[in-house]
Protein backbone atom coordinates (compact mmCIF):
# COMPACT_ATOMS: atom_id res chain seq x y z
CA UNK A 1 -21.51 2.89 17.97
CA UNK A 2 -22.75 -0.17 15.87
CA UNK A 3 -26.02 -1.92 15.65
CA UNK A 4 -24.95 -5.00 16.96
CA UNK A 5 -23.93 -5.35 20.52
CA UNK A 6 -21.71 -8.52 19.54
CA UNK A 7 -17.94 -7.61 18.59
CA UNK A 8 -18.05 -10.32 15.58
CA UNK A 9 -21.27 -9.92 14.53
CA UNK A 10 -20.74 -5.79 14.14
CA UNK A 11 -17.39 -7.05 12.15
CA UNK A 12 -19.69 -8.95 9.53
CA UNK A 13 -22.33 -6.63 8.66
CA UNK A 14 -21.47 -3.00 9.46
CA UNK A 15 -19.36 0.00 8.49
CA UNK A 16 -17.49 0.80 11.64
CA UNK A 17 -15.96 4.11 12.35
CA UNK A 18 -12.26 4.95 13.12
CA UNK A 19 -13.00 4.65 16.94
CA UNK A 20 -14.50 1.64 17.70
CA UNK A 21 -12.38 0.05 15.57
CA UNK A 22 -9.23 1.25 17.33
CA UNK A 23 -11.18 -0.29 20.47
CA UNK A 24 -11.14 -3.54 18.73
CA UNK A 25 -7.56 -2.92 17.97
CA UNK A 26 -6.18 -1.87 21.35
CA UNK A 27 -7.60 -5.33 22.79
CA UNK A 28 -4.01 -6.86 20.25
CA UNK A 29 -1.96 -5.16 23.51
CA UNK A 30 1.66 -5.77 22.66
CA UNK A 31 0.99 -6.58 18.94
CA UNK A 32 -0.16 -2.80 18.16
CA UNK A 33 1.04 0.50 17.79
CA UNK A 34 0.51 3.79 16.57
CA UNK A 35 2.93 4.95 13.89
CA UNK A 36 3.83 8.16 14.38
CA UNK A 37 0.92 8.58 16.99
CA UNK A 38 -1.42 8.58 14.18
CA UNK A 39 -2.01 5.22 12.25
CA UNK A 40 -2.50 2.18 14.29
CA UNK A 41 -0.25 -1.13 12.97
CA UNK A 42 -0.80 -4.83 14.15
CA UNK A 43 2.43 -6.91 13.84
CA UNK A 44 1.81 -10.70 14.20
CA UNK A 45 4.45 -13.38 13.48
CA UNK A 46 8.13 -14.15 14.40
CA UNK A 47 9.77 -14.55 11.14
CA UNK A 48 12.91 -12.36 10.09
CA UNK A 49 11.46 -11.20 6.93
CA UNK A 50 8.99 -8.79 6.63
CA UNK A 51 5.56 -8.64 4.85
CA UNK A 52 3.77 -5.16 4.92
CA UNK A 53 0.04 -5.45 4.51
CA UNK A 54 -1.61 -1.36 3.28
CA UNK A 55 -5.92 -1.19 3.11
CA UNK A 56 -8.08 1.09 4.20
CA UNK A 57 -7.70 4.17 1.76
CA UNK A 58 -11.84 4.64 1.76
CA UNK A 59 -14.89 3.56 3.44
CA UNK A 60 -15.83 1.41 0.00
CA UNK A 61 -12.59 -0.69 1.80
CA UNK A 62 -15.02 -1.39 4.85
CA UNK A 63 -14.90 -5.05 4.31
CA UNK A 64 -11.78 -5.10 3.69
CA UNK A 65 -10.88 -3.90 6.81
CA UNK A 66 -12.97 -5.64 9.12
CA UNK A 67 -11.82 -8.75 7.68
CA UNK A 68 -8.17 -8.20 8.57
CA UNK A 69 -9.22 -7.10 11.78
CA UNK A 70 -11.31 -10.27 12.45
CA UNK A 71 -8.25 -12.21 11.03
CA UNK A 72 -6.01 -10.95 13.00
CA UNK A 73 -8.50 -11.28 16.08
CA UNK A 74 -9.23 -14.91 15.45
CA UNK A 75 -5.31 -14.75 15.30
CA UNK A 76 -4.37 -12.92 18.53
CA UNK A 77 -7.61 -13.23 20.73
CA UNK A 78 -9.45 -16.15 20.15
CA UNK A 79 -9.50 -18.78 17.29
CA UNK A 80 -12.55 -19.79 17.47
CA UNK A 81 -14.45 -17.32 15.02
CA UNK A 82 -12.68 -18.55 11.55
CA UNK A 83 -12.73 -22.13 10.01
CA UNK A 84 -9.42 -21.48 8.37
CA UNK A 85 -6.73 -19.23 9.55
CA UNK A 86 -2.90 -17.94 8.56
CA UNK A 87 -0.57 -21.16 8.25
CA UNK A 88 1.91 -21.62 11.16
CA UNK A 89 4.99 -21.72 8.84
CA UNK A 90 4.42 -18.11 7.42
CA UNK A 91 3.65 -17.10 11.07
CA UNK A 92 7.28 -18.47 12.05
CA UNK A 93 8.75 -17.24 8.61
CA UNK A 94 7.51 -13.72 8.66
CA UNK A 95 6.74 -10.67 10.62
CA UNK A 96 3.63 -9.11 9.19
CA UNK A 97 2.76 -5.52 9.51
CA UNK A 98 -1.05 -4.93 9.03
CA UNK A 99 -2.01 -1.25 8.70
CA UNK A 100 -5.98 -1.99 8.12
CA UNK A 101 -6.92 2.00 8.33
CA UNK A 102 -4.59 4.31 6.43
CA UNK A 103 -7.08 7.28 5.57
CA UNK A 104 -8.44 7.84 9.11
CA UNK A 105 -10.31 10.66 7.88
CA UNK A 106 -12.77 8.51 6.15
CA UNK A 107 -13.99 6.35 9.02
CA UNK A 108 -14.97 9.24 10.95
CA UNK A 109 -19.00 8.58 12.05
CA UNK A 110 -19.68 12.16 10.32
CA UNK A 111 -18.41 10.67 6.80
CA UNK A 112 -19.89 7.18 7.70
CA UNK A 113 -23.48 8.69 8.75
CA UNK A 114 -23.48 11.42 5.61
CA UNK A 115 -24.00 8.23 3.85
CA UNK A 116 -21.65 10.00 0.97
CA UNK A 117 -19.44 7.25 0.79
CA UNK A 118 -17.93 8.40 -2.61
CA UNK A 119 -16.17 11.14 -0.88
CA UNK A 120 -14.57 9.22 1.42
CA UNK A 121 -11.38 8.33 -0.70
CA UNK A 122 -10.62 12.19 0.42
CA UNK A 123 -8.98 12.91 3.83
CA UNK A 124 -9.78 16.57 5.60
CA UNK A 125 -7.57 18.32 3.33
CA UNK A 126 -9.57 16.75 0.09
CA UNK A 127 -6.64 14.82 -1.23
CA UNK A 128 -6.85 11.41 -2.70
CA UNK A 129 -4.91 9.52 -0.41
CA UNK A 130 -4.74 5.95 -2.56
CA UNK A 131 -3.08 8.58 -5.58
CA UNK A 132 -0.52 10.45 -3.30
CA UNK A 133 2.17 8.10 -2.92
CA UNK A 134 4.45 10.30 -4.90
CA UNK A 135 3.60 13.64 -4.41
CA UNK A 136 2.78 13.13 -0.81
CA UNK A 137 0.78 15.94 0.49
CA UNK A 138 -1.47 13.51 2.50
CA UNK A 139 -0.02 13.06 5.80
CA UNK A 140 -1.25 9.71 5.81
CA UNK A 141 0.45 8.75 2.62
CA UNK A 142 3.73 10.61 3.89
CA UNK A 143 3.35 8.39 7.13
CA UNK A 144 2.81 5.01 5.56
CA UNK A 145 5.46 6.02 2.96
CA UNK A 146 8.26 6.55 6.15
CA UNK A 147 7.35 3.47 7.38
CA UNK A 148 7.29 1.24 4.13
CA UNK A 149 11.10 2.75 3.16
CA UNK A 150 12.21 2.29 6.91
CA UNK A 151 11.18 -1.62 7.24
CA UNK A 152 12.04 -2.35 3.62
CA UNK A 153 9.75 -5.37 3.74
CA UNK A 154 10.87 -8.49 1.58
CA UNK A 155 6.93 -8.15 0.05
CA UNK A 156 3.88 -5.54 0.35
CA UNK A 157 0.28 -6.36 0.02
CA UNK A 158 -1.61 -3.36 -1.22
CA UNK A 159 -5.59 -4.30 -0.87
CA UNK A 160 -7.84 -1.98 -2.72
CA UNK A 161 -11.53 -2.28 -3.16
CA UNK A 162 -12.50 -2.28 -6.89
CA UNK A 163 -14.73 0.92 -5.98
CA UNK A 164 -11.99 3.26 -4.63
CA UNK A 165 -9.96 2.49 -7.86
CA UNK A 166 -13.34 2.64 -10.45
CA UNK A 167 -13.33 -0.89 -11.85
CA UNK A 168 -16.04 -3.16 -11.94
CA UNK A 169 -15.00 -6.78 -11.64
CA UNK A 170 -16.38 -9.74 -10.48
CA UNK A 171 -13.44 -11.98 -8.86
CA UNK A 172 -10.08 -11.18 -7.15
CA UNK A 173 -7.62 -9.04 -9.59
CA UNK A 174 -3.69 -9.31 -8.98
CA UNK A 175 -1.64 -6.08 -10.17
CA UNK A 176 2.10 -7.07 -10.71
CA UNK A 177 5.31 -5.82 -12.34
CA UNK A 178 5.84 -7.18 -15.91
CA UNK A 179 9.04 -8.93 -14.03
CA UNK A 180 6.49 -11.29 -12.32
CA UNK A 181 4.85 -12.38 -15.62
CA UNK A 182 6.30 -15.63 -15.41
CA UNK A 183 4.74 -16.68 -11.87
CA UNK A 184 1.31 -15.29 -12.59
CA UNK A 185 -0.02 -18.60 -14.24
CA UNK A 186 1.19 -20.90 -12.05
CA UNK A 187 -0.20 -18.18 -9.36
CA UNK A 188 -3.69 -18.99 -10.96
CA UNK A 189 -3.33 -22.42 -11.22
CA UNK A 190 -2.57 -22.91 -7.67
CA UNK A 191 -5.55 -20.76 -6.73
CA UNK A 192 -7.82 -22.48 -8.94
CA UNK A 193 -7.13 -25.19 -6.11
CA UNK A 194 -9.14 -23.56 -3.54
CA UNK A 195 -11.84 -22.39 -6.12
CA UNK A 196 -10.75 -18.89 -6.18
CA UNK A 197 -10.59 -17.22 -9.82
CA UNK A 198 -8.59 -14.45 -9.90
CA UNK A 199 -7.41 -12.22 -13.28
CA UNK A 200 -4.58 -10.18 -13.34
CA UNK A 201 -3.08 -7.06 -14.78
CA UNK A 202 0.56 -5.60 -15.40
CA UNK A 203 0.71 -2.13 -13.84
CA UNK A 204 2.59 0.76 -16.01
CA UNK A 205 4.95 3.53 -14.78
CA UNK A 206 2.37 6.11 -15.17
CA UNK A 207 0.42 5.05 -12.12
CA UNK A 208 3.89 5.81 -10.17
CA UNK A 209 1.36 7.50 -7.99
CA UNK A 210 -0.49 4.08 -6.08
CA UNK A 211 1.22 2.63 -3.67
CA UNK A 212 2.13 -0.91 -4.93
CA UNK A 213 3.07 0.52 -8.31
CA UNK A 214 5.58 3.16 -6.30
CA UNK A 215 7.18 1.00 -4.14
CA UNK A 216 7.90 -1.27 -6.54
CA UNK A 217 9.99 1.08 -8.34
CA UNK A 218 11.53 1.92 -4.95
CA UNK A 219 13.07 -1.76 -5.18
CA UNK A 220 10.23 -3.12 -2.90
CA UNK A 221 8.50 -6.04 -4.41
CA UNK A 222 4.65 -5.06 -4.35
CA UNK A 223 1.55 -6.87 -5.28
CA UNK A 224 -1.92 -5.01 -5.90
CA UNK A 225 -4.45 -6.92 -4.90
CA UNK A 226 -8.19 -5.47 -5.92
CA UNK A 227 -11.51 -6.96 -3.82
CA UNK A 228 -14.90 -6.55 -5.82
CA UNK A 229 -17.04 -4.62 -3.84
CA UNK A 230 -19.86 -7.38 -3.73
CA UNK A 231 -18.10 -9.46 -1.60
CA UNK A 232 -18.78 -9.76 2.03
CA UNK A 233 -16.11 -10.40 4.84
CA UNK A 234 -16.93 -13.90 4.99
CA UNK A 235 -15.81 -14.00 1.72
CA UNK A 236 -13.14 -11.43 2.31
CA UNK A 237 -11.81 -13.03 4.79
CA UNK A 238 -11.14 -16.88 3.27
CA UNK A 239 -9.95 -15.12 -0.03
CA UNK A 240 -7.62 -13.01 1.89
CA UNK A 241 -6.09 -15.97 4.10
CA UNK A 242 -6.02 -18.37 0.85
CA UNK A 243 -3.66 -15.26 -0.76
CA UNK A 244 -1.49 -14.35 2.17
CA UNK A 245 -0.66 -17.94 2.57
CA UNK A 246 -0.36 -19.09 -1.00
CA UNK A 247 1.16 -16.03 -2.76
CA UNK A 248 3.74 -15.43 -0.11
CA UNK A 249 6.20 -18.21 -0.28
CA UNK A 250 5.62 -18.10 -4.18
CA UNK A 251 6.53 -14.51 -4.54
CA UNK A 252 9.48 -14.70 -2.32
CA UNK A 253 10.92 -17.30 -4.05
CA UNK A 254 10.31 -15.95 -6.92
CA UNK A 255 11.97 -12.40 -6.33
CA UNK A 256 15.26 -13.90 -5.53
CA UNK A 257 15.37 -14.82 -9.70
CA UNK A 258 14.62 -11.38 -10.83
CA UNK A 259 15.83 -8.13 -10.18
CA UNK A 260 14.09 -5.11 -9.67
CA UNK A 261 16.68 -2.87 -7.68
CA UNK A 262 19.14 -1.04 -10.54
CA UNK A 263 21.97 -3.49 -11.43
CA UNK A 264 24.55 -1.11 -11.15
CA UNK A 265 24.24 3.01 -9.19
CA UNK A 266 25.11 5.46 -11.11
CA UNK A 267 25.47 9.29 -10.08
CA UNK A 268 23.27 12.03 -11.75
CA UNK A 269 22.94 15.87 -11.79
CA UNK A 270 20.06 17.06 -12.36
CA UNK A 271 18.81 21.04 -12.78
CA UNK A 272 15.27 21.44 -11.91
CA UNK A 273 12.79 24.55 -12.65
CA UNK A 274 9.83 25.40 -10.19
CA UNK A 275 7.23 27.13 -12.21
CA UNK A 276 3.74 26.56 -11.04
CA UNK A 277 3.82 24.54 -8.27
CA UNK A 278 5.78 26.05 -4.62
CA UNK A 279 9.34 25.53 -4.32
CA UNK A 280 8.85 23.91 -0.85
CA UNK A 281 6.33 21.01 -2.35
CA UNK A 282 8.84 20.39 -4.76
CA UNK A 283 11.61 20.35 -2.45
CA UNK A 284 9.53 17.78 -0.01
CA UNK A 285 9.21 15.46 -2.54
CA UNK A 286 12.77 15.17 -3.45
CA UNK A 287 13.73 14.76 -0.10
CA UNK A 288 10.88 12.19 0.67
CA UNK A 289 12.57 10.41 -2.11
CA UNK A 290 15.86 10.34 -1.33
CA UNK A 291 17.68 12.97 -3.61
CA UNK A 292 19.40 15.58 -2.03
CA UNK A 293 19.70 18.96 -2.60
CA UNK A 294 22.86 20.49 -3.55
CA UNK A 295 21.78 24.12 -3.85
CA UNK A 296 18.75 26.19 -4.79
CA UNK A 297 18.66 29.20 -7.03
CA UNK A 298 15.82 31.65 -7.23
CA UNK A 299 13.11 29.11 -8.42
CA UNK A 300 15.89 26.68 -9.82
CA UNK A 301 16.48 23.17 -7.49
CA UNK A 302 20.20 21.57 -8.19
CA UNK A 303 20.32 17.84 -6.68
CA UNK A 304 23.16 15.54 -7.28
CA UNK A 305 22.42 11.73 -6.43
CA UNK A 306 22.99 8.01 -6.50
CA UNK A 307 20.63 6.30 -8.31
CA UNK A 308 20.29 2.85 -6.86
CA UNK A 309 16.36 2.30 -7.67
CA UNK A 310 14.37 2.51 -10.71
CA UNK A 311 11.98 5.53 -9.29
CA UNK A 312 14.52 8.04 -9.14
CA UNK A 313 16.15 6.97 -12.58
CA UNK A 314 12.34 6.89 -14.09
CA UNK A 315 11.42 10.39 -12.43
CA UNK A 316 14.20 12.51 -13.15
CA UNK A 317 16.66 10.14 -15.81
CA UNK A 318 13.32 10.11 -18.08
CA UNK A 319 11.58 13.26 -16.81
CA UNK A 320 8.44 11.80 -15.36
CA UNK A 321 8.53 14.42 -12.84
CA UNK A 322 7.14 16.89 -15.24
CA UNK A 323 4.44 14.19 -15.59
CA UNK A 324 3.71 13.81 -12.17
CA UNK A 325 4.42 17.43 -10.39
CA UNK A 326 2.71 20.17 -13.08
CA UNK A 327 4.64 23.18 -13.13
CA UNK A 328 8.55 21.46 -12.98
CA UNK A 329 11.15 21.33 -15.78
CA UNK A 330 14.17 19.38 -15.84
CA UNK A 331 16.59 21.90 -17.62
CA UNK A 332 19.52 19.64 -17.47
CA UNK A 333 20.18 16.22 -16.51
CA UNK A 334 23.70 14.51 -16.99
CA UNK A 335 24.54 10.82 -15.69
CA UNK A 336 27.83 9.28 -15.02
CA UNK A 337 28.47 5.76 -14.61
């Protein structure tokens, strides 16, 4: 139990365990459900377009987790706790799916009491969850990957603590695909109107295991938001509301002008040799990313599939599967327009 009996005070000041956080989420009733009976998701808004927000990869995100829950509590239960709220237009135009805690193992009371917060990036199988969105070995990354792939949101926001990804920053950093570069100067200028100073980075394909990079190459416009660990819950709350309010319409309008998905569909045939990993692990990776298996011959997997997103083209056509999945080798790869 938290030291503070007052829920709002506890959200502002404490690292809270999953059991306590889930008891708060249960108050949202029809707005909340468990994805595959494991990970909580809260939905607000009535629009036809979808936004998904992901966070809670480690205990380093506890202030971000608490901030999102506070925003939701203010929106669903009682609006007296925050001076600013999500704009009405945003909620009318979008259905917002908030997944506030992904690595539930990190928020177990034993992890919190151990004070070994640096170990909380791991799930109970010692997998770094936020770096597992390609291989999908963790039950949590796999559940979230399936949910995002099924919903296919117009925009995906992934919010990290600077300490989770081991960056030393003093201001918000936005991580984007290079095709958003023409928009970033306008975003920075717009956010300065709210006294919000932000930096940005263009992410690389070699970070394909990170969720915002991974889903971008699956054709879902995704933005990484890196929050300084030093930010208080109060500052996180106002910052996230401002970012969601101002970024969403700008990005949605801009996305219509660019093409992240493949402009044409081609068929590709690959023979992948499985060397130092379990054959079933390779099969799972392929199936989880929509790559159908034609046949299996001893340690070789034959696949024929249509490339309709950049992820599969990079994984197989450009041989990145060898980089990410140690113990594999693409022996043959032919493409037919």
